[in-house]
């Protein structure tokens, strides 16, 4: 599985990349020319919902999982409205993607 990860927090990014690469996924950079199977975007990224809308248009077949603090219901609703197919709390994003990798 190819995962396009949009996360500006380096510590979080390294943690997520390491977990998913160990499980066999390829983690793509923002400027990739490859088509991802899944887009994972941190809602803490500046203009996250704008990015979600653009990524939804560009990668119509890819799933988009937006993640952020579990208490930010407003951001979750905005992400769904922008085109995210799933929402996850920050603490559960690794496992959420791992489930997809096992499918």
C-alpha atoms as a PDB file:
ATOM      1  CA  UNK A   1       0.000   0.000   0.000  1.00  0.00           C
ATOM      2  CA  UNK A   2       1.183   3.515  -0.835  1.00  0.00           C
ATOM      3  CA  UNK A   3       0.389   6.119   1.811  1.00  0.00           C
ATOM      4  CA  UNK A   4       0.667   9.845   1.215  1.00  0.00           C
ATOM      5  CA  UNK A   5       1.325  11.380   4.629  1.00  0.00           C
ATOM      6  CA  UNK A   6       0.668  15.101   5.242  1.00  0.00           C
ATOM      7  CA  UNK A   7       2.115  15.857   8.650  1.00  0.00           C
ATOM      8  CA  UNK A   8       4.323  18.826   9.482  1.00  0.00           C
ATOM      9  CA  UNK A   9       5.200  17.687  13.021  1.00  0.00           C
ATOM     10  CA  UNK A  10       8.522  15.881  12.514  1.00  0.00           C
ATOM     11  CA  UNK A  11       8.297  13.716  15.628  1.00  0.00           C
ATOM     12  CA  UNK A  12       4.811  12.555  14.697  1.00  0.00           C
ATOM     13  CA  UNK A  13       5.798  12.054  11.066  1.00  0.00           C
ATOM     14  CA  UNK A  14       8.819   9.892  11.914  1.00  0.00           C
ATOM     15  CA  UNK A  15       6.746   7.801  14.335  1.00  0.00           C
ATOM     16  CA  UNK A  16       3.998   7.203  11.771  1.00  0.00           C
ATOM     17  CA  UNK A  17       6.394   6.503   8.903  1.00  0.00           C
ATOM     18  CA  UNK A  18       8.393   4.016  10.964  1.00  0.00           C
ATOM     19  CA  UNK A  19       5.318   2.059  12.041  1.00  0.00           C
ATOM     20  CA  UNK A  20       3.809   1.832   8.582  1.00  0.00           C
ATOM     21  CA  UNK A  21       7.083   1.105   6.762  1.00  0.00           C
ATOM     22  CA  UNK A  22       7.794  -1.705   9.226  1.00  0.00           C
ATOM     23  CA  UNK A  23       4.381  -3.137   8.328  1.00  0.00           C
ATOM     24  CA  UNK A  24       5.285  -3.068   4.611  1.00  0.00           C
ATOM     25  CA  UNK A  25       3.755   0.185   3.374  1.00  0.00           C
ATOM     26  CA  UNK A  26       5.459   2.755   1.195  1.00  0.00           C
ATOM     27  CA  UNK A  27       5.158   6.254   2.647  1.00  0.00           C
ATOM     28  CA  UNK A  28       5.134   8.955  -0.020  1.00  0.00           C
ATOM     29  CA  UNK A  29       6.233  12.573   0.324  1.00  0.00           C
ATOM     30  CA  UNK A  30       3.931  15.530  -0.404  1.00  0.00           C
ATOM     31  CA  UNK A  31       5.563  16.205  -3.791  1.00  0.00           C
ATOM     32  CA  UNK A  32       5.155  12.638  -5.065  1.00  0.00           C
ATOM     33  CA  UNK A  33       4.208  11.863  -8.642  1.00  0.00           C
ATOM     34  CA  UNK A  34       2.891   8.447  -7.589  1.00  0.00           C
ATOM     35  CA  UNK A  35      -0.789   7.834  -6.925  1.00  0.00           C
ATOM     36  CA  UNK A  36      -1.407   6.846  -3.296  1.00  0.00           C
ATOM     37  CA  UNK A  37      -3.843   4.202  -2.127  1.00  0.00           C
ATOM     38  CA  UNK A  38      -4.432   6.172   1.041  1.00  0.00           C
ATOM     39  CA  UNK A  39      -3.912   9.777   2.134  1.00  0.00           C
ATOM     40  CA  UNK A  40      -3.369  10.469   5.839  1.00  0.00           C
ATOM     41  CA  UNK A  41      -3.498  14.115   6.854  1.00  0.00           C
ATOM     42  CA  UNK A  42      -2.895  15.752  10.209  1.00  0.00           C
ATOM     43  CA  UNK A  43      -5.568  18.331  10.966  1.00  0.00           C
ATOM     44  CA  UNK A  44      -2.885  20.446  12.642  1.00  0.00           C
ATOM     45  CA  UNK A  45      -1.382  21.146   9.192  1.00  0.00           C
ATOM     46  CA  UNK A  46      -2.007  24.720   8.113  1.00  0.00           C
ATOM     47  CA  UNK A  47      -5.111  24.916   5.867  1.00  0.00           C
ATOM     48  CA  UNK A  48      -5.729  21.174   6.353  1.00  0.00           C
ATOM     49  CA  UNK A  49      -9.268  21.257   4.989  1.00  0.00           C
ATOM     50  CA  UNK A  50      -8.158  23.068   1.833  1.00  0.00           C
ATOM     51  CA  UNK A  51      -5.534  20.365   1.320  1.00  0.00           C
ATOM     52  CA  UNK A  52      -8.137  17.648   1.881  1.00  0.00           C
ATOM     53  CA  UNK A  53     -10.402  19.168  -0.786  1.00  0.00           C
ATOM     54  CA  UNK A  54      -7.508  19.423  -3.262  1.00  0.00           C
ATOM     55  CA  UNK A  55      -6.327  15.883  -2.525  1.00  0.00           C
ATOM     56  CA  UNK A  56      -9.881  14.556  -2.927  1.00  0.00           C
ATOM     57  CA  UNK A  57     -10.029  16.092  -6.414  1.00  0.00           C
ATOM     58  CA  UNK A  58      -6.580  14.840  -7.374  1.00  0.00           C
ATOM     59  CA  UNK A  59      -6.866  11.316  -5.944  1.00  0.00           C
ATOM     60  CA  UNK A  60     -10.531  10.457  -6.425  1.00  0.00           C
ATOM     61  CA  UNK A  61     -10.090   6.734  -5.681  1.00  0.00           C
ATOM     62  CA  UNK A  62      -7.893   7.084  -2.574  1.00  0.00           C
ATOM     63  CA  UNK A  63      -9.235   6.943   0.936  1.00  0.00           C
ATOM     64  CA  UNK A  64      -8.457  10.024   3.015  1.00  0.00           C
ATOM     65  CA  UNK A  65      -8.061   9.707   6.774  1.00  0.00           C
ATOM     66  CA  UNK A  66      -7.833  12.958   8.709  1.00  0.00           C
ATOM     67  CA  UNK A  67      -6.537  12.812  12.259  1.00  0.00           C
ATOM     68  CA  UNK A  68      -6.249  15.230  15.127  1.00  0.00           C
ATOM     69  CA  UNK A  69      -6.984  15.765  18.812  1.00  0.00           C
ATOM     70  CA  UNK A  70      -9.959  13.636  19.868  1.00  0.00           C
ATOM     71  CA  UNK A  71     -11.705  16.638  21.412  1.00  0.00           C
ATOM     72  CA  UNK A  72     -11.808  18.746  18.229  1.00  0.00           C
ATOM     73  CA  UNK A  73     -15.221  17.768  16.855  1.00  0.00           C
ATOM     74  CA  UNK A  74     -15.446  20.971  14.799  1.00  0.00           C
ATOM     75  CA  UNK A  75     -12.233  20.138  12.895  1.00  0.00           C
ATOM     76  CA  UNK A  76     -13.461  16.567  12.322  1.00  0.00           C
ATOM     77  CA  UNK A  77     -16.731  17.838  10.840  1.00  0.00           C
ATOM     78  CA  UNK A  78     -14.879  20.301   8.592  1.00  0.00           C
ATOM     79  CA  UNK A  79     -12.549  17.526   7.388  1.00  0.00           C
ATOM     80  CA  UNK A  80     -15.510  15.292   6.492  1.00  0.00           C
ATOM     81  CA  UNK A  81     -17.149  18.180   4.632  1.00  0.00           C
ATOM     82  CA  UNK A  82     -13.900  18.776   2.713  1.00  0.00           C
ATOM     83  CA  UNK A  83     -13.761  15.151   1.533  1.00  0.00           C
ATOM     84  CA  UNK A  84     -12.137  13.004   4.215  1.00  0.00           C
ATOM     85  CA  UNK A  85     -13.523   9.466   4.127  1.00  0.00           C
ATOM     86  CA  UNK A  86     -12.531   8.693   7.716  1.00  0.00           C
ATOM     87  CA  UNK A  87     -11.657  10.577  10.874  1.00  0.00           C
ATOM     88  CA  UNK A  88      -9.355   9.329  13.630  1.00  0.00           C
ATOM     89  CA  UNK A  89      -8.093  10.609  16.929  1.00  0.00           C
ATOM     90  CA  UNK A  90      -4.356  11.229  16.945  1.00  0.00           C
ATOM     91  CA  UNK A  91      -3.807   8.404  19.418  1.00  0.00           C
ATOM     92  CA  UNK A  92      -5.465   5.844  17.157  1.00  0.00           C
ATOM     93  CA  UNK A  93      -4.131   6.773  13.716  1.00  0.00           C
ATOM     94  CA  UNK A  94      -1.306   4.215  13.681  1.00  0.00           C
ATOM     95  CA  UNK A  95      -3.679   1.342  14.414  1.00  0.00           C
ATOM     96  CA  UNK A  96      -6.363   2.657  12.042  1.00  0.00           C
ATOM     97  CA  UNK A  97      -3.921   2.518   9.130  1.00  0.00           C
ATOM     98  CA  UNK A  98      -2.433  -0.802  10.310  1.00  0.00           C
ATOM     99  CA  UNK A  99      -5.913  -2.354  10.047  1.00  0.00           C
ATOM    100  CA  UNK A 100      -6.058  -1.271   6.419  1.00  0.00           C
ATOM    101  CA  UNK A 101      -2.623  -2.730   5.771  1.00  0.00           C
ATOM    102  CA  UNK A 102      -3.793  -6.101   7.091  1.00  0.00           C
ATOM    103  CA  UNK A 103      -6.868  -6.173   4.803  1.00  0.00           C
END
